[in-house]
Amino acid sequence: MARGQAAERTGGRRGDSDRAGREDREVELIEKLVSINRVAKVVKGGRRFGFAAIVVVGDGKGRAGYGTGKAREVPEAIRKATDQAKRNMVRIPLREGRTLHHDGYGHFGSGKVVLRSAKPGTGIIAGGPMRAVLESLGLQDVVAKSVGSSNPHNMIKATFAALTAMASPRAVAAKRGKKVSDIIGRREGEAAAARE
């Protein structure tokens, strides 16, 4: 009897995981190949060549991740990088689903980036690896600048460092024990004062 109940319980769990897997497949992910690099390993007989890939994955609704993969063949390196990117996805709060809540700064190693929210119609003003991250995240209006290294690894990690430091007004209000209207009202008041 107990054994049958245990089987039913695990069956329920398996069903839940299947449901979660189906939900993941239903969400259409945006995959962007940022860079592919040929790498060499020197061995006794000469050089052994392989490929290193960097991939950015996002759902276009505020979730994104990045991954790297190495393999002897390009498709295998891209597959490994994509799998890692899907595992490392993070949620970023977006303002009106199109821009950032506030300006941000991030750095990783010698890669430094500045991200700024923008007015509607601005578009994505960013280059290379940063553009791939911002597009896969679903941002429509943002201005970004890379100040330091142009190494794609450092630029992507610096961009994610800046994005993960973003806070929504709801999170700030909860942390301070205030209402969201107090936080947003203050921001709009400062903007009006700056215009005068």
Protein backbone atom coordinates (compact mmCIF):
# COMPACT_ATOMS: atom_id res chain seq x y z
CA MET A 1 0.00 0.00 0.00
CA ALA A 2 2.72 2.43 1.02
CA ARG A 3 4.71 1.49 -2.06
CA GLY A 4 1.75 2.31 -4.32
CA GLN A 5 1.26 5.68 -2.63
CA ALA A 6 4.96 6.50 -3.10
CA ALA A 7 4.67 5.63 -6.80
CA GLU A 8 1.64 7.92 -7.12
CA ARG A 9 3.53 10.73 -5.41
CA THR A 10 6.58 10.43 -7.66
CA GLY A 11 4.25 10.19 -10.67
CA GLY A 12 2.74 13.51 -9.62
CA ARG A 13 6.18 15.04 -9.37
CA ARG A 14 7.16 13.74 -12.77
CA GLY A 15 3.96 15.21 -14.23
CA ASP A 16 4.81 18.61 -12.70
CA SER A 17 8.28 18.59 -14.25
CA ASP A 18 6.79 17.64 -17.64
CA ARG A 19 4.38 20.57 -17.36
CA ALA A 20 7.24 22.94 -16.51
CA GLY A 21 9.23 21.59 -19.47
CA ARG A 22 6.30 22.23 -21.81
CA GLU A 23 5.97 25.81 -20.53
CA ASP A 24 9.67 26.40 -21.21
CA ARG A 25 9.28 25.10 -24.76
CA GLU A 26 6.24 27.34 -25.37
CA VAL A 27 8.26 30.48 -24.62
CA GLU A 28 10.08 31.50 -27.81
CA LEU A 29 13.70 32.32 -26.96
CA ILE A 30 15.83 34.79 -28.91
CA GLU A 31 19.30 33.32 -29.46
CA LYS A 32 22.14 35.57 -30.61
CA LEU A 33 25.64 34.37 -31.47
CA VAL A 34 27.96 37.12 -30.20
CA SER A 35 31.33 35.76 -31.26
CA ILE A 36 33.07 32.63 -32.46
CA ASN A 37 36.80 32.25 -31.98
CA ARG A 38 39.21 29.64 -33.28
CA VAL A 39 41.49 28.45 -30.50
CA ALA A 40 44.57 26.20 -30.73
CA LYS A 41 46.01 23.72 -28.26
CA VAL A 42 49.64 22.82 -28.88
CA VAL A 43 50.24 19.08 -28.47
CA LYS A 44 53.11 16.72 -29.31
CA GLY A 45 52.06 16.19 -32.93
CA GLY A 46 51.37 19.89 -33.66
CA ARG A 47 48.30 22.01 -33.04
CA ARG A 48 44.79 20.87 -32.27
CA PHE A 49 42.19 23.42 -33.31
CA GLY A 50 38.86 24.03 -31.63
CA PHE A 51 36.20 26.73 -31.47
CA ALA A 52 34.96 28.89 -28.62
CA ALA A 53 31.48 30.48 -28.89
CA ILE A 54 29.62 33.12 -26.87
CA VAL A 55 25.82 33.07 -27.07
CA VAL A 56 23.20 35.38 -25.54
CA VAL A 57 19.66 34.05 -25.00
CA GLY A 58 16.55 36.02 -23.99
CA ASP A 59 12.77 35.84 -24.08
CA GLY A 60 12.23 39.47 -25.13
CA LYS A 61 10.23 40.11 -21.94
CA GLY A 62 12.90 40.89 -19.36
CA ARG A 63 14.80 37.60 -19.04
CA ALA A 64 18.25 37.00 -20.51
CA GLY A 65 21.39 34.96 -19.99
CA TYR A 66 24.75 34.32 -21.59
CA GLY A 67 26.91 31.25 -22.02
CA THR A 68 30.22 30.11 -23.47
CA GLY A 69 31.11 26.80 -25.06
CA LYS A 70 34.19 25.15 -26.53
CA ALA A 71 34.29 22.21 -28.92
CA ARG A 72 36.16 20.81 -31.91
CA GLU A 73 33.29 21.79 -34.23
CA VAL A 74 31.40 25.11 -34.47
CA PRO A 75 27.81 23.75 -34.11
CA GLU A 76 28.74 21.79 -30.97
CA ALA A 77 30.39 24.88 -29.41
CA ILE A 78 27.26 26.95 -30.16
CA ARG A 79 24.99 24.22 -28.68
CA LYS A 80 27.05 24.09 -25.46
CA ALA A 81 27.03 27.89 -25.15
CA THR A 82 23.25 28.03 -25.76
CA ASP A 83 22.56 25.37 -23.12
CA GLN A 84 24.67 27.26 -20.58
CA ALA A 85 22.94 30.56 -21.46
CA LYS A 86 19.49 29.00 -20.90
CA ARG A 87 20.60 27.74 -17.46
CA ASN A 88 21.99 31.16 -16.47
CA MET A 89 18.98 33.33 -17.33
CA VAL A 90 18.16 36.22 -14.98
CA ARG A 91 15.13 38.51 -14.76
CA ILE A 92 15.67 42.26 -15.20
CA PRO A 93 12.93 44.78 -14.26
CA LEU A 94 11.85 46.85 -17.28
CA ARG A 95 10.01 50.18 -17.28
CA GLU A 96 6.84 50.01 -19.40
CA GLY A 97 8.37 46.91 -21.03
CA ARG A 98 10.58 49.08 -23.26
CA THR A 99 13.41 50.74 -21.27
CA LEU A 100 15.32 50.70 -17.98
CA HIS A 101 14.05 52.21 -14.72
CA HIS A 102 17.25 54.19 -14.17
CA ASP A 103 20.79 54.67 -15.48
CA GLY A 104 23.32 51.99 -14.61
CA TYR A 105 27.04 51.37 -14.57
CA GLY A 106 28.74 47.99 -14.63
CA HIS A 107 32.22 46.62 -14.91
CA PHE A 108 33.94 43.29 -15.15
CA GLY A 109 37.72 43.17 -15.39
CA SER A 110 38.69 46.04 -17.69
CA GLY A 111 35.27 46.04 -19.41
CA LYS A 112 33.19 49.03 -18.29
CA VAL A 113 29.73 49.93 -19.57
CA VAL A 114 27.22 52.73 -19.02
CA LEU A 115 23.49 52.10 -19.63
CA ARG A 116 20.95 54.92 -19.77
CA SER A 117 17.18 54.84 -20.06
CA ALA A 118 15.79 56.73 -23.06
CA LYS A 119 12.62 58.35 -24.41
CA PRO A 120 10.19 56.38 -26.62
CA GLY A 121 11.39 56.18 -30.21
CA THR A 122 15.11 56.35 -29.37
CA GLY A 123 15.80 52.71 -30.23
CA ILE A 124 18.78 50.68 -29.06
CA ILE A 125 21.94 52.74 -29.34
CA ALA A 126 24.64 50.21 -28.50
CA GLY A 127 27.33 48.29 -30.28
CA GLY A 128 28.36 44.67 -30.68
CA PRO A 129 27.92 42.37 -27.70
CA MET A 130 25.92 44.94 -25.70
CA ARG A 131 23.35 45.25 -28.48
CA ALA A 132 22.86 41.45 -28.51
CA VAL A 133 22.15 41.45 -24.75
CA LEU A 134 19.76 44.43 -24.89
CA GLU A 135 17.83 43.09 -27.91
CA SER A 136 17.40 39.61 -26.41
CA LEU A 137 16.21 41.23 -23.17
CA GLY A 138 13.41 43.01 -25.06
CA LEU A 139 14.55 46.61 -24.54
CA GLN A 140 13.41 49.06 -27.21
CA ASP A 141 14.77 52.41 -26.01
CA VAL A 142 18.19 52.50 -24.37
CA VAL A 143 21.52 54.27 -24.84
CA ALA A 144 24.66 52.29 -23.98
CA LYS A 145 28.37 53.02 -24.12
CA SER A 146 31.36 50.76 -23.63
CA VAL A 147 34.09 52.75 -21.89
CA GLY A 148 36.75 50.09 -21.31
CA SER A 149 37.80 46.85 -22.98
CA SER A 150 36.16 45.76 -26.24
CA ASN A 151 36.69 42.08 -25.36
CA PRO A 152 33.24 40.49 -25.87
CA HIS A 153 33.54 38.34 -22.71
CA ASN A 154 34.22 41.37 -20.50
CA MET A 155 31.60 43.54 -22.26
CA ILE A 156 28.82 40.97 -21.81
CA LYS A 157 29.70 40.32 -18.15
CA ALA A 158 29.90 44.08 -17.46
CA THR A 159 26.51 44.60 -19.16
CA PHE A 160 24.93 41.86 -17.02
CA ALA A 161 26.55 43.38 -13.91
CA ALA A 162 24.89 46.73 -14.75
CA LEU A 163 21.53 45.10 -15.53
CA THR A 164 21.41 42.94 -12.39
CA ALA A 165 22.08 46.06 -10.28
CA MET A 166 18.86 47.64 -11.67
CA ALA A 167 16.04 48.02 -9.16
CA SER A 168 12.37 48.58 -9.89
CA PRO A 169 10.43 51.22 -7.90
CA ARG A 170 8.38 48.38 -6.35
CA ALA A 171 11.56 46.68 -5.01
CA VAL A 172 12.95 49.99 -3.69
CA ALA A 173 9.62 50.83 -2.01
CA ALA A 174 9.47 47.40 -0.36
CA LYS A 175 13.05 47.75 0.90
CA ARG A 176 12.42 51.24 2.35
CA GLY A 177 8.96 50.45 3.70
CA LYS A 178 7.29 53.14 1.58
CA LYS A 179 4.63 53.25 -1.12
CA VAL A 180 5.54 52.98 -4.81
CA SER A 181 3.81 56.32 -5.44
CA ASP A 182 6.26 58.01 -3.01
CA ILE A 183 9.25 56.71 -4.99
CA ILE A 184 7.82 57.45 -8.47
CA GLY A 185 6.38 60.81 -7.40
CA ARG A 186 9.79 61.92 -6.19
CA ARG A 187 11.42 60.87 -9.50
CA GLU A 188 8.86 62.82 -11.56
CA GLY A 189 9.23 65.85 -9.27
CA GLU A 190 13.03 65.84 -9.75
CA ALA A 191 12.58 65.63 -13.54
CA ALA A 192 10.19 68.64 -13.52
CA ALA A 193 12.65 70.63 -11.37
CA ALA A 194 15.49 69.80 -13.76
CA ARG A 195 13.43 71.04 -16.75
CA GLU A 196 12.85 74.42 -15.02
